[in-house]
Amino acid sequence: MSAGRAAALLLPLAGALSACMVGPDYHRPDSPLPAAYAELAAGRTVAARAVAGRPDLDRWWRLFHDAELDSLVDRALAGNLDLQQAESRVRQARAELRGTAAPLWPSLNATGGVDYLRSSEALGQAFAGPGAAAQPPGAPATAGATAATPLPSTLNLYEAGFDATWELDLWGGTRRAVEAARANVEAAMDSRRDTLVSLLAEVARTYVVLRGTQNRIVIAERNIAMQRQQLELTRARWRAGFTNELDVRQLEAQVATSSAIIPALTAEAHRAMHALAVLLGAPPETLAGELERGGAVPPVPPAVPVGVPGELLRRRPDIRRAERQLAAATATVGTAIAALYPQISLTGNAGYEGTHTDNLFLWSNRFYALFPSLTLPLFDAGRIGADIDASRERARQAALAYRATVLGALREVEDSLAAYRTDQQRHAALVQAAAASRRSVDLARAQYAEGVITVLAVLDAQRSLLVAEDAVVRSDQAVTTDLMALYKALGGGWETTERPPAAGH
């Protein structure tokens, strides 16, 4: 059978079989979720701050109405290095998809070469037979040469053409690999989105830590100033003989102890500024001049709709990524199973060859060849079966990882809601305590000036006030960061900041 007829028979057969794809088809897993979050049950919310309803998560950081925070987020989206790495991984996954799909098509190569040959005169005489006429060495064969003419002793053979190879994807192994690679691209995109969600939350959280620390410094300085006033009053009373030196020394010790708080808080504020700069992809000292002036902790909005648990499957990037990884693992099972079946390859070449370049491309100098081949695994000591079993176990692991990711997402939301609710309750109590402490200090100072109480009562009242006001600021910070953690747990922020990764350089 000629090569052309063999190809004519094999290609239609290959086309018919190529519709076959071994291995399991992927189906998105069912994920039963509760109809509502448990922490939103009746009686568990505070001032309706966390309620069921469609959440506004596209640009949630703008709900705090802080221009500095908005600016920091915009710069982080443009310069964060982790985000740029995630975008590079998306481009990498897309390139790997193109490489995985390439075997579905024939590979074609241009070929060319020159062979310089010299044979011995004895070999030429042997092929020509006895009595052949001798020719000068290197003389080319003439058109009228007969069997009695010896072969030339030297020969230049020129060749130009093409060769092609095509392994037919009869059982869908390569197509399953492409399916897995496409799912990996989508997983990489969701991984980038997850990095984006984490970045937004981390910028906002670090900014709140900075503002909270700066406010703690202000409160400490205000209380130290008040303590210094009390110290000066006590010194005046000591000089006038109304009190003793012990009261003065106790107040001096308190002023010094309170002053020692400032350096630690200043270092914490500088760490937050450095962290923010790095999140923006800038050197640590970049934001020092911009953020050192201080500012208020961003207040929380009056109501926070959080939606229903079922929306997490669509919105949380880590859940979306886990689902795509499950799809990829399912497809690789088919790739492993395809190795059990016969593999058919078509290899061929065609072109021109001749002994002179001036007539190389004459139609009479053409050549072609087709080499169909079939490979059927008979014995491999269980390697293919082991690969299939391993791929199935990887798919099971991916399914379990998906379920674990969904449960983890639910837990994060419930934890954030619980923290948001309880920290608001704690904040309300701390505000009352701080108000009572301020009144207590005023009363203590007035009674001490009248000689009714000792300085120890004033010291206790001042220490209590410093602790109470510091606790209020830390509670403000906690409530705001709780809400930001809730926005992160709900998967907010990536939709409206979605942009395709920039083209590689």
Protein backbone atom coordinates (compact mmCIF):
# COMPACT_ATOMS: atom_id res chain seq x y z
CA MET A 1 0.00 0.00 0.00
CA SER A 2 1.42 3.41 -0.93
CA ALA A 3 2.06 6.09 1.71
CA GLY A 4 -0.62 8.30 0.20
CA ARG A 5 -3.26 5.58 0.41
CA ALA A 6 -2.24 4.77 3.99
CA ALA A 7 -2.67 8.41 4.95
CA ALA A 8 -6.03 8.56 3.16
CA LEU A 9 -7.25 5.65 5.28
CA LEU A 10 -5.73 6.70 8.59
CA LEU A 11 -6.82 10.34 8.65
CA PRO A 12 -10.60 9.70 8.48
CA LEU A 13 -10.19 7.02 11.14
CA ALA A 14 -8.26 9.42 13.32
CA GLY A 15 -10.93 12.06 12.84
CA ALA A 16 -13.64 9.65 13.94
CA LEU A 17 -11.72 8.48 16.98
CA SER A 18 -10.66 11.97 18.02
CA ALA A 19 -14.16 12.62 19.31
CA CYS A 20 -13.43 10.10 22.09
CA MET A 21 -12.13 11.41 25.43
CA VAL A 22 -11.35 8.95 28.19
CA GLY A 23 -11.52 9.85 31.85
CA PRO A 24 -14.20 11.50 34.03
CA ASP A 25 -16.00 14.63 32.88
CA TYR A 26 -15.87 17.41 35.45
CA HIS A 27 -18.98 18.53 37.30
CA ARG A 28 -18.94 21.43 39.74
CA PRO A 29 -19.35 20.03 43.27
CA ASP A 30 -22.45 20.69 45.31
CA SER A 31 -21.80 22.77 48.42
CA PRO A 32 -24.81 22.90 50.76
CA LEU A 33 -24.63 26.12 52.74
CA PRO A 34 -26.86 27.60 55.44
CA ALA A 35 -29.46 30.13 54.39
CA ALA A 36 -28.03 32.82 56.71
CA TYR A 37 -25.10 33.44 59.01
CA ALA A 38 -25.61 32.27 62.57
CA GLU A 39 -24.10 35.46 63.99
CA LEU A 40 -26.89 37.48 62.38
CA ALA A 41 -29.54 35.68 64.42
CA ALA A 42 -32.06 37.80 66.28
CA GLY A 43 -30.62 39.55 69.30
CA ARG A 44 -27.03 39.11 68.23
CA THR A 45 -26.50 42.30 66.24
CA VAL A 46 -25.56 45.65 67.70
CA ALA A 47 -27.45 48.71 66.43
CA ALA A 48 -28.20 46.81 63.21
CA ARG A 49 -24.58 47.31 62.15
CA ALA A 50 -24.30 43.88 60.58
CA VAL A 51 -27.45 42.90 58.76
CA ALA A 52 -28.53 40.56 56.00
CA GLY A 53 -28.76 42.25 52.63
CA ARG A 54 -26.82 42.71 49.43
CA PRO A 55 -23.33 43.85 50.47
CA ASP A 56 -21.56 46.76 48.85
CA LEU A 57 -18.09 45.25 48.51
CA ASP A 58 -16.77 46.57 45.21
CA ARG A 59 -14.80 49.43 46.79
CA TRP A 60 -15.50 48.82 50.44
CA TRP A 61 -12.57 50.94 51.69
CA ARG A 62 -14.30 54.06 50.34
CA LEU A 63 -17.13 53.52 52.84
CA PHE A 64 -14.78 54.83 55.55
CA HIS A 65 -14.56 58.22 53.79
CA ASP A 66 -10.83 58.63 54.41
CA ALA A 67 -9.00 60.30 51.51
CA GLU A 68 -5.58 59.16 52.75
CA LEU A 69 -6.72 55.54 52.87
CA ASP A 70 -8.15 55.82 49.34
CA SER A 71 -4.83 57.19 48.10
CA LEU A 72 -2.82 54.43 49.77
CA VAL A 73 -5.03 51.74 48.24
CA ASP A 74 -4.71 53.22 44.76
CA ARG A 75 -0.91 53.32 45.04
CA ALA A 76 -0.78 49.77 46.41
CA LEU A 77 -2.80 48.49 43.44
CA ALA A 78 -0.28 50.10 41.11
CA GLY A 79 2.96 49.19 42.87
CA ASN A 80 2.59 46.17 45.17
CA LEU A 81 5.20 43.54 44.33
CA ASP A 82 3.19 40.53 45.52
CA LEU A 83 0.38 41.55 43.17
CA GLN A 84 2.83 41.89 40.30
CA GLN A 85 4.16 38.40 41.03
CA ALA A 86 0.59 37.05 40.95
CA GLU A 87 0.04 38.75 37.60
CA SER A 88 3.24 37.17 36.29
CA ARG A 89 1.97 33.74 37.38
CA VAL A 90 -1.19 34.34 35.32
CA ARG A 91 0.93 35.07 32.26
CA GLN A 92 3.02 31.99 32.99
CA ALA A 93 -0.10 29.79 33.21
CA ARG A 94 -1.35 31.17 29.89
CA ALA A 95 1.98 30.40 28.24
CA GLU A 96 1.87 26.85 29.65
CA LEU A 97 -1.65 26.47 28.22
CA ARG A 98 -0.38 27.38 24.76
CA GLY A 99 2.45 24.87 25.13
CA THR A 100 0.08 22.13 26.31
CA ALA A 101 -2.26 22.68 23.34
CA ALA A 102 0.56 22.63 20.76
CA PRO A 103 0.67 18.78 20.35
CA LEU A 104 -2.90 18.85 19.04
CA TRP A 105 -1.39 20.14 15.78
CA PRO A 106 1.32 18.71 13.55
CA SER A 107 4.84 19.99 13.99
CA LEU A 108 6.47 21.10 10.72
CA ASN A 109 10.17 21.77 10.19
CA ALA A 110 12.10 23.03 7.23
CA THR A 111 15.13 20.86 6.42
CA GLY A 112 18.17 21.28 4.25
CA GLY A 113 21.63 19.86 3.99
CA VAL A 114 24.63 18.97 1.89
CA ASP A 115 26.36 15.59 2.00
CA TYR A 116 29.94 15.38 0.79
CA LEU A 117 30.66 11.73 -0.12
CA ARG A 118 33.72 9.93 -1.41
CA SER A 119 33.82 6.25 -2.21
CA SER A 120 36.84 4.13 -3.00
CA GLU A 121 37.61 3.13 -6.60
CA ALA A 122 37.38 -0.50 -5.56
CA LEU A 123 33.76 0.07 -4.43
CA GLY A 124 32.97 1.75 -7.72
CA GLN A 125 34.48 -1.10 -9.72
CA ALA A 126 32.58 -3.60 -7.59
CA PHE A 127 29.22 -1.95 -8.31
CA ALA A 128 30.04 -1.51 -11.99
CA GLY A 129 31.18 -5.07 -12.56
CA PRO A 130 34.22 -6.45 -14.36
CA GLY A 131 35.43 -4.65 -17.46
CA ALA A 132 33.97 -1.27 -16.53
CA ALA A 133 35.62 1.74 -18.08
CA ALA A 134 37.56 3.82 -15.65
CA GLN A 135 36.74 7.50 -15.15
CA PRO A 136 38.90 10.21 -13.73
CA PRO A 137 38.49 10.67 -9.98
CA GLY A 138 35.82 13.24 -9.16
CA ALA A 139 34.20 13.19 -12.60
CA PRO A 140 30.40 13.38 -12.36
CA ALA A 141 28.26 10.56 -13.70
CA THR A 142 26.97 11.20 -17.20
CA ALA A 143 23.40 10.87 -18.25
CA GLY A 144 24.23 7.94 -20.44
CA ALA A 145 26.05 5.94 -17.82
CA THR A 146 25.23 2.24 -17.86
CA ALA A 147 25.57 -0.52 -15.37
CA ALA A 148 29.08 -1.06 -16.71
CA THR A 149 30.12 2.47 -15.70
CA PRO A 150 31.78 2.65 -12.28
CA LEU A 151 30.31 4.87 -9.53
CA PRO A 152 31.96 8.26 -9.15
CA SER A 153 34.52 8.38 -6.36
CA THR A 154 33.16 11.72 -5.02
CA LEU A 155 29.59 12.96 -4.82
CA ASN A 156 27.89 16.12 -3.54
CA LEU A 157 24.23 15.48 -2.51
CA TYR A 158 22.00 18.52 -1.88
CA GLU A 159 18.64 18.27 -0.11
CA ALA A 160 15.87 20.77 0.79
CA GLY A 161 12.38 20.07 2.04
CA PHE A 162 10.11 19.65 5.04
CA ASP A 163 9.40 17.04 7.66
CA ALA A 164 6.30 16.77 9.83
CA THR A 165 5.25 14.78 12.89
CA TRP A 166 1.78 14.41 14.31
CA GLU A 167 0.70 12.26 17.21
CA LEU A 168 -3.05 11.73 16.91
CA ASP A 169 -4.98 12.50 20.08
CA LEU A 170 -7.32 9.53 19.61
CA TRP A 171 -8.30 9.11 23.25
CA GLY A 172 -8.32 12.72 24.36
CA GLY A 173 -5.25 12.59 26.59
CA THR A 174 -3.85 15.82 25.19
CA ARG A 175 -7.27 17.47 25.21
CA ARG A 176 -7.64 16.53 28.88
CA ALA A 177 -4.23 18.08 29.50
CA VAL A 178 -5.43 21.24 27.75
CA GLU A 179 -8.56 21.17 29.90
CA ALA A 180 -6.39 20.96 33.01
CA ALA A 181 -4.10 23.75 31.79
CA ARG A 182 -7.08 26.00 31.07
CA ALA A 183 -8.40 25.36 34.59
CA ASN A 184 -4.94 26.19 35.94
CA VAL A 185 -5.06 29.54 34.10
CA GLU A 186 -8.38 30.33 35.76
CA ALA A 187 -6.97 29.19 39.13
CA ALA A 188 -4.00 31.54 38.64
CA MET A 189 -6.40 34.40 37.89
CA ASP A 190 -8.33 33.66 41.08
CA SER A 191 -5.06 33.41 42.99
CA ARG A 192 -4.26 36.93 41.78
CA ARG A 193 -7.68 38.05 42.94
CA ASP A 194 -7.07 36.47 46.33
CA THR A 195 -3.76 38.33 46.56
CA LEU A 196 -5.64 41.51 45.69
CA VAL A 197 -8.27 40.96 48.40
CA SER A 198 -5.55 40.30 50.97
CA LEU A 199 -3.61 43.37 49.84
CA LEU A 200 -6.62 45.67 50.20
CA ALA A 201 -7.33 44.35 53.68
CA GLU A 202 -3.70 44.56 54.77
CA VAL A 203 -3.28 48.16 53.57
CA ALA A 204 -6.47 49.19 55.37
CA ARG A 205 -5.62 47.26 58.55
CA THR A 206 -2.09 48.66 58.75
CA TYR A 207 -3.40 52.18 58.16
CA VAL A 208 -5.87 51.77 61.04
CA VAL A 209 -3.09 50.44 63.28
CA LEU A 210 -1.03 53.54 62.41
CA ARG A 211 -3.87 55.96 63.15
CA GLY A 212 -4.79 54.13 66.34
CA THR A 213 -1.19 54.21 67.57
CA GLN A 214 -0.87 57.91 66.76
CA ASN A 215 -4.05 58.60 68.73
CA ARG A 216 -2.69 56.59 71.65
CA ILE A 217 0.38 58.84 71.58
CA VAL A 218 -1.84 61.93 71.68
CA ILE A 219 -3.78 60.56 74.66
CA ALA A 220 -0.59 59.63 76.49
CA GLU A 221 0.86 63.08 75.93
CA ARG A 222 -2.35 64.73 77.11
CA ASN A 223 -2.36 62.65 80.28
CA ILE A 224 1.33 63.33 80.88
CA ALA A 225 0.64 67.06 80.57
CA MET A 226 -2.13 66.71 83.14
CA GLN A 227 0.19 64.76 85.43
CA ARG A 228 2.84 67.46 85.09
CA GLN A 229 0.28 70.06 86.14
CA GLN A 230 -0.53 67.99 89.19
CA LEU A 231 3.19 67.63 89.90
CA GLU A 232 3.71 71.40 89.77
CA LEU A 233 0.73 71.93 92.10
CA THR A 234 2.11 69.39 94.55
CA ARG A 235 5.55 70.95 94.47
CA ALA A 236 3.99 74.33 95.28
CA ARG A 237 2.08 72.78 98.19
CA TRP A 238 5.30 71.12 99.40
CA ARG A 239 7.19 74.41 99.31
CA ALA A 240 4.32 76.03 101.22
CA GLY A 241 4.45 73.25 103.80
CA PHE A 242 1.03 71.73 103.06
CA THR A 243 2.36 68.33 101.96
CA ASN A 244 5.53 66.27 102.19
CA GLU A 245 8.32 65.36 99.77
CA LEU A 246 6.98 61.81 99.34
CA ASP A 247 3.97 63.09 97.41
CA VAL A 248 6.27 64.99 95.07
CA ARG A 249 8.52 62.00 94.43
CA GLN A 250 5.54 59.70 93.77
CA LEU A 251 4.15 62.12 91.21
CA GLU A 252 7.59 62.46 89.57
CA ALA A 253 7.76 58.67 89.28
CA GLN A 254 4.34 58.56 87.65
CA VAL A 255 5.26 61.26 85.12
CA ALA A 256 8.45 59.36 84.22
CA THR A 257 6.59 56.04 83.93
CA SER A 258 3.91 57.55 81.70
CA SER A 259 6.56 59.25 79.55
CA ALA A 260 8.20 55.87 78.92
CA ILE A 261 5.11 54.81 76.98
CA ILE A 262 5.75 57.36 74.21
CA PRO A 263 8.92 55.84 72.67
CA ALA A 264 7.33 52.38 72.41
CA LEU A 265 4.23 53.80 70.73
CA THR A 266 6.37 55.91 68.41
CA ALA A 267 8.30 52.83 67.33
CA GLU A 268 5.01 50.99 66.67
CA ALA A 269 3.77 53.89 64.53
CA HIS A 270 7.00 53.91 62.52
CA ARG A 271 6.72 50.15 61.94
CA ALA A 272 3.22 50.68 60.56
CA MET A 273 4.45 53.45 58.24
CA HIS A 274 7.29 51.23 57.03
CA ALA A 275 4.89 48.33 56.42
CA LEU A 276 2.54 50.57 54.43
CA ALA A 277 5.39 51.81 52.24
CA VAL A 278 6.48 48.24 51.44
CA LEU A 279 2.89 47.30 50.62
CA LEU A 280 2.97 50.14 48.11
CA GLY A 281 6.16 48.72 46.60
CA ALA A 282 8.27 51.60 47.93
CA PRO A 283 11.23 51.90 50.35
CA PRO A 284 10.22 51.86 54.05
CA GLU A 285 10.93 55.52 54.69
CA THR A 286 8.80 56.78 51.78
CA LEU A 287 5.66 57.67 53.75
CA ALA A 288 7.28 59.17 56.85
CA GLY A 289 6.65 62.81 55.91
CA GLU A 290 3.16 62.11 54.59
CA LEU A 291 1.77 60.14 57.53
CA GLU A 292 3.62 61.48 60.57
CA ARG A 293 1.08 64.26 61.20
CA GLY A 294 -1.48 61.78 62.44
CA GLY A 295 -5.21 61.51 61.97
CA ALA A 296 -8.35 59.89 63.32
CA VAL A 297 -9.17 56.20 63.14
CA PRO A 298 -11.67 55.85 60.24
CA PRO A 299 -15.17 55.47 61.72
CA VAL A 300 -17.28 52.49 60.73
CA PRO A 301 -20.40 53.01 58.56
CA PRO A 302 -23.78 52.90 60.32
CA ALA A 303 -24.86 49.61 58.68
CA VAL A 304 -22.96 46.73 57.11
CA PRO A 305 -24.97 44.40 54.86
CA VAL A 306 -23.19 41.04 54.59
CA GLY A 307 -25.37 39.02 52.23
CA VAL A 308 -25.95 35.27 52.47
CA PRO A 309 -23.48 32.36 52.66
CA GLY A 310 -24.31 31.12 49.16
CA GLU A 311 -22.70 34.23 47.64
CA LEU A 312 -19.31 33.19 49.00
CA LEU A 313 -18.98 30.51 46.30
CA ARG A 314 -19.14 33.19 43.63
CA ARG A 315 -17.24 35.96 45.36
CA ARG A 316 -14.44 34.45 47.45
CA PRO A 317 -11.37 34.08 45.18
CA ASP A 318 -9.87 31.29 47.28
CA ILE A 319 -13.04 29.20 46.85
CA ARG A 320 -13.05 29.89 43.12
CA ARG A 321 -9.37 28.93 42.92
CA ALA A 322 -9.95 25.67 44.84
CA GLU A 323 -12.82 24.79 42.50
CA ARG A 324 -10.63 25.39 39.41
CA GLN A 325 -7.84 23.29 40.95
CA LEU A 326 -10.37 20.50 41.40
CA ALA A 327 -11.33 20.81 37.73
CA ALA A 328 -7.67 20.60 36.71
CA ALA A 329 -7.05 17.55 38.89
CA THR A 330 -10.13 15.83 37.44
CA ALA A 331 -8.89 16.42 33.88
CA THR A 332 -5.47 14.93 34.61
CA VAL A 333 -7.16 11.61 35.42
CA GLY A 334 -8.15 11.37 31.74
CA THR A 335 -4.60 12.20 30.68
CA ALA A 336 -3.30 9.30 32.77
CA ILE A 337 -5.96 6.87 31.49
CA ALA A 338 -5.17 7.72 27.85
CA ALA A 339 -1.72 6.16 28.28
CA LEU A 340 -3.43 2.73 28.41
CA TYR A 341 -4.57 2.96 24.79
CA PRO A 342 -2.73 2.67 21.46
CA GLN A 343 -0.90 5.77 20.29
CA ILE A 344 -0.72 6.48 16.56
CA SER A 345 1.85 8.85 15.12
CA LEU A 346 2.29 10.08 11.57
CA THR A 347 5.75 11.09 10.47
CA GLY A 348 6.63 12.16 6.97
CA ASN A 349 9.03 14.20 4.93
CA ALA A 350 9.10 15.62 1.43
CA GLY A 351 11.41 17.76 -0.63
CA TYR A 352 14.01 17.80 -3.35
CA GLU A 353 17.43 16.22 -3.60
CA GLY A 354 20.09 16.25 -6.30
CA THR A 355 23.77 16.38 -7.01
CA HIS A 356 23.78 19.97 -8.29
CA THR A 357 22.18 23.14 -6.90
CA ASP A 358 21.23 24.51 -10.31
CA ASN A 359 18.70 21.74 -10.97
CA LEU A 360 17.82 20.83 -7.38
CA PHE A 361 14.19 21.91 -7.62
CA LEU A 362 13.29 19.98 -10.76
CA TRP A 363 10.05 18.04 -10.39
CA SER A 364 11.95 14.84 -11.18
CA ASN A 365 14.17 15.41 -8.10
CA ARG A 366 11.28 15.36 -5.65
CA PHE A 367 10.97 12.79 -2.89
CA TYR A 368 8.46 12.05 -0.12
CA ALA A 369 7.87 9.47 2.57
CA LEU A 370 5.16 8.73 5.17
CA PHE A 371 5.79 6.59 8.24
CA PRO A 372 2.66 5.77 10.25
CA SER A 373 3.44 4.07 13.56
CA LEU A 374 1.40 2.50 16.32
CA THR A 375 2.48 1.99 19.93
CA LEU A 376 0.53 -0.25 22.30
CA PRO A 377 1.72 -0.66 25.90
CA LEU A 378 2.05 -4.34 26.80
CA PHE A 379 4.14 -4.40 29.97
CA ASP A 380 5.39 -1.50 32.12
CA ALA A 381 5.53 -3.11 35.57
CA GLY A 382 2.35 -1.25 36.62
CA ARG A 383 3.61 2.28 35.92
CA ILE A 384 0.52 3.42 34.00
CA GLY A 385 -1.84 1.96 36.58
CA ALA A 386 0.08 3.66 39.34
CA ASP A 387 -0.12 6.99 37.50
CA ILE A 388 -3.88 6.57 37.12
CA ASP A 389 -4.33 5.74 40.82
CA ALA A 390 -2.15 8.69 41.81
CA SER A 391 -4.11 11.10 39.59
CA ARG A 392 -7.40 9.88 41.07
CA GLU A 393 -6.10 10.43 44.58
CA ARG A 394 -4.96 13.94 43.64
CA ALA A 395 -8.50 14.62 42.40
CA ARG A 396 -9.92 13.35 45.71
CA GLN A 397 -7.50 15.57 47.61
CA ALA A 398 -8.56 18.56 45.50
CA ALA A 399 -12.22 17.80 46.26
CA LEU A 400 -11.48 17.64 49.99
CA ALA A 401 -9.44 20.86 49.75
CA TYR A 402 -12.39 22.56 48.07
CA ARG A 403 -14.75 21.50 50.85
CA ALA A 404 -12.24 22.61 53.47
CA THR A 405 -11.88 26.00 51.76
CA VAL A 406 -15.65 26.52 51.77
CA LEU A 407 -15.90 25.63 55.46
CA GLY A 408 -12.93 27.84 56.27
CA ALA A 409 -14.56 30.76 54.46
CA LEU A 410 -17.78 30.31 56.44
CA ARG A 411 -15.81 30.19 59.67
CA GLU A 412 -13.93 33.40 58.80
CA VAL A 413 -17.17 35.27 58.17
CA GLU A 414 -18.80 33.99 61.37
CA ASP A 415 -15.64 34.81 63.38
CA SER A 416 -15.50 38.31 61.91
CA LEU A 417 -19.16 38.91 62.66
CA ALA A 418 -18.71 37.69 66.24
CA ALA A 419 -15.65 39.87 66.76
CA TYR A 420 -17.38 42.89 65.22
CA ARG A 421 -20.41 42.45 67.47
CA THR A 422 -18.56 41.81 70.73
CA ASP A 423 -15.96 44.54 70.16
CA GLN A 424 -18.77 47.05 69.68
CA GLN A 425 -20.26 45.96 73.00
CA ARG A 426 -16.85 46.25 74.63
CA HIS A 427 -16.32 49.68 73.07
CA ALA A 428 -19.58 51.00 74.52
CA ALA A 429 -18.53 49.86 78.00
CA LEU A 430 -15.03 51.36 77.62
CA VAL A 431 -16.45 54.73 76.59
CA GLN A 432 -18.51 54.78 79.79
CA ALA A 433 -15.46 53.78 81.84
CA ALA A 434 -13.34 56.55 80.29
CA ALA A 435 -16.02 59.15 81.02
CA ALA A 436 -16.20 57.98 84.63
CA SER A 437 -12.39 58.08 84.91
CA ARG A 438 -12.25 61.67 83.65
CA ARG A 439 -14.82 62.69 86.25
CA SER A 440 -12.88 60.78 88.90
CA VAL A 441 -9.66 62.68 88.08
CA ASP A 442 -11.42 66.03 88.30
CA LEU A 443 -12.88 65.13 91.69
CA ALA A 444 -9.59 63.75 93.00
CA ARG A 445 -7.63 66.84 92.00
CA ALA A 446 -10.21 69.15 93.58
CA GLN A 447 -10.30 67.15 96.82
CA TYR A 448 -6.51 66.98 96.96
CA ALA A 449 -6.29 70.76 96.54
CA GLU A 450 -8.65 71.06 99.51
CA GLY A 451 -6.57 68.58 101.52
CA VAL A 452 -9.40 66.05 101.78
CA ILE A 453 -7.50 63.13 100.19
CA THR A 454 -3.86 62.13 99.75
CA VAL A 455 -1.91 62.23 96.54
CA LEU A 456 -2.21 58.44 96.23
CA ALA A 457 -5.88 58.83 95.31
CA VAL A 458 -4.93 61.33 92.63
CA LEU A 459 -2.25 58.95 91.28
CA ASP A 460 -4.74 56.09 91.09
CA ALA A 461 -7.31 58.24 89.31
CA GLN A 462 -4.77 59.50 86.77
CA ARG A 463 -3.46 56.00 86.07
CA SER A 464 -7.00 54.74 85.61
CA LEU A 465 -7.78 57.56 83.19
CA LEU A 466 -4.70 56.86 81.06
CA VAL A 467 -5.58 53.17 80.90
CA ALA A 468 -9.25 53.84 80.14
CA GLU A 469 -8.66 56.38 77.36
CA ASP A 470 -5.96 54.19 75.81
CA ALA A 471 -8.38 51.26 75.88
CA VAL A 472 -11.03 53.34 74.08
CA VAL A 473 -8.65 54.13 71.24
CA ARG A 474 -7.53 50.50 70.98
CA SER A 475 -11.18 49.49 70.97
CA ASP A 476 -11.92 51.98 68.16
CA GLN A 477 -9.06 50.41 66.24
CA ALA A 478 -10.34 46.89 66.96
CA VAL A 479 -13.89 47.64 65.78
CA THR A 480 -12.64 49.14 62.52
CA THR A 481 -10.19 46.32 61.84
CA ASP A 482 -12.92 43.79 62.65
CA LEU A 483 -15.07 45.34 59.95
CA MET A 484 -12.18 45.31 57.50
CA ALA A 485 -11.57 41.65 58.31
CA LEU A 486 -15.26 41.04 57.59
CA TYR A 487 -14.97 42.70 54.19
CA LYS A 488 -11.96 40.49 53.46
CA ALA A 489 -13.78 37.36 54.65
CA LEU A 490 -16.65 38.21 52.30
CA GLY A 491 -14.18 38.38 49.39
CA GLY A 492 -14.74 42.06 48.71
CA GLY A 493 -12.76 44.38 46.53
CA TRP A 494 -11.55 42.48 43.51
CA GLU A 495 -14.53 42.99 41.18
CA THR A 496 -14.16 46.68 40.37
CA THR A 497 -10.37 46.61 40.59
CA GLU A 498 -10.26 43.71 38.14
CA ARG A 499 -7.92 44.39 35.27
CA PRO A 500 -6.09 42.00 32.99
CA PRO A 501 -2.44 41.45 33.86
CA ALA A 502 -0.14 43.69 31.87
CA ALA A 503 1.63 42.15 28.92
CA GLY A 504 5.03 40.70 29.74
CA HIS A 505 8.16 42.59 28.78
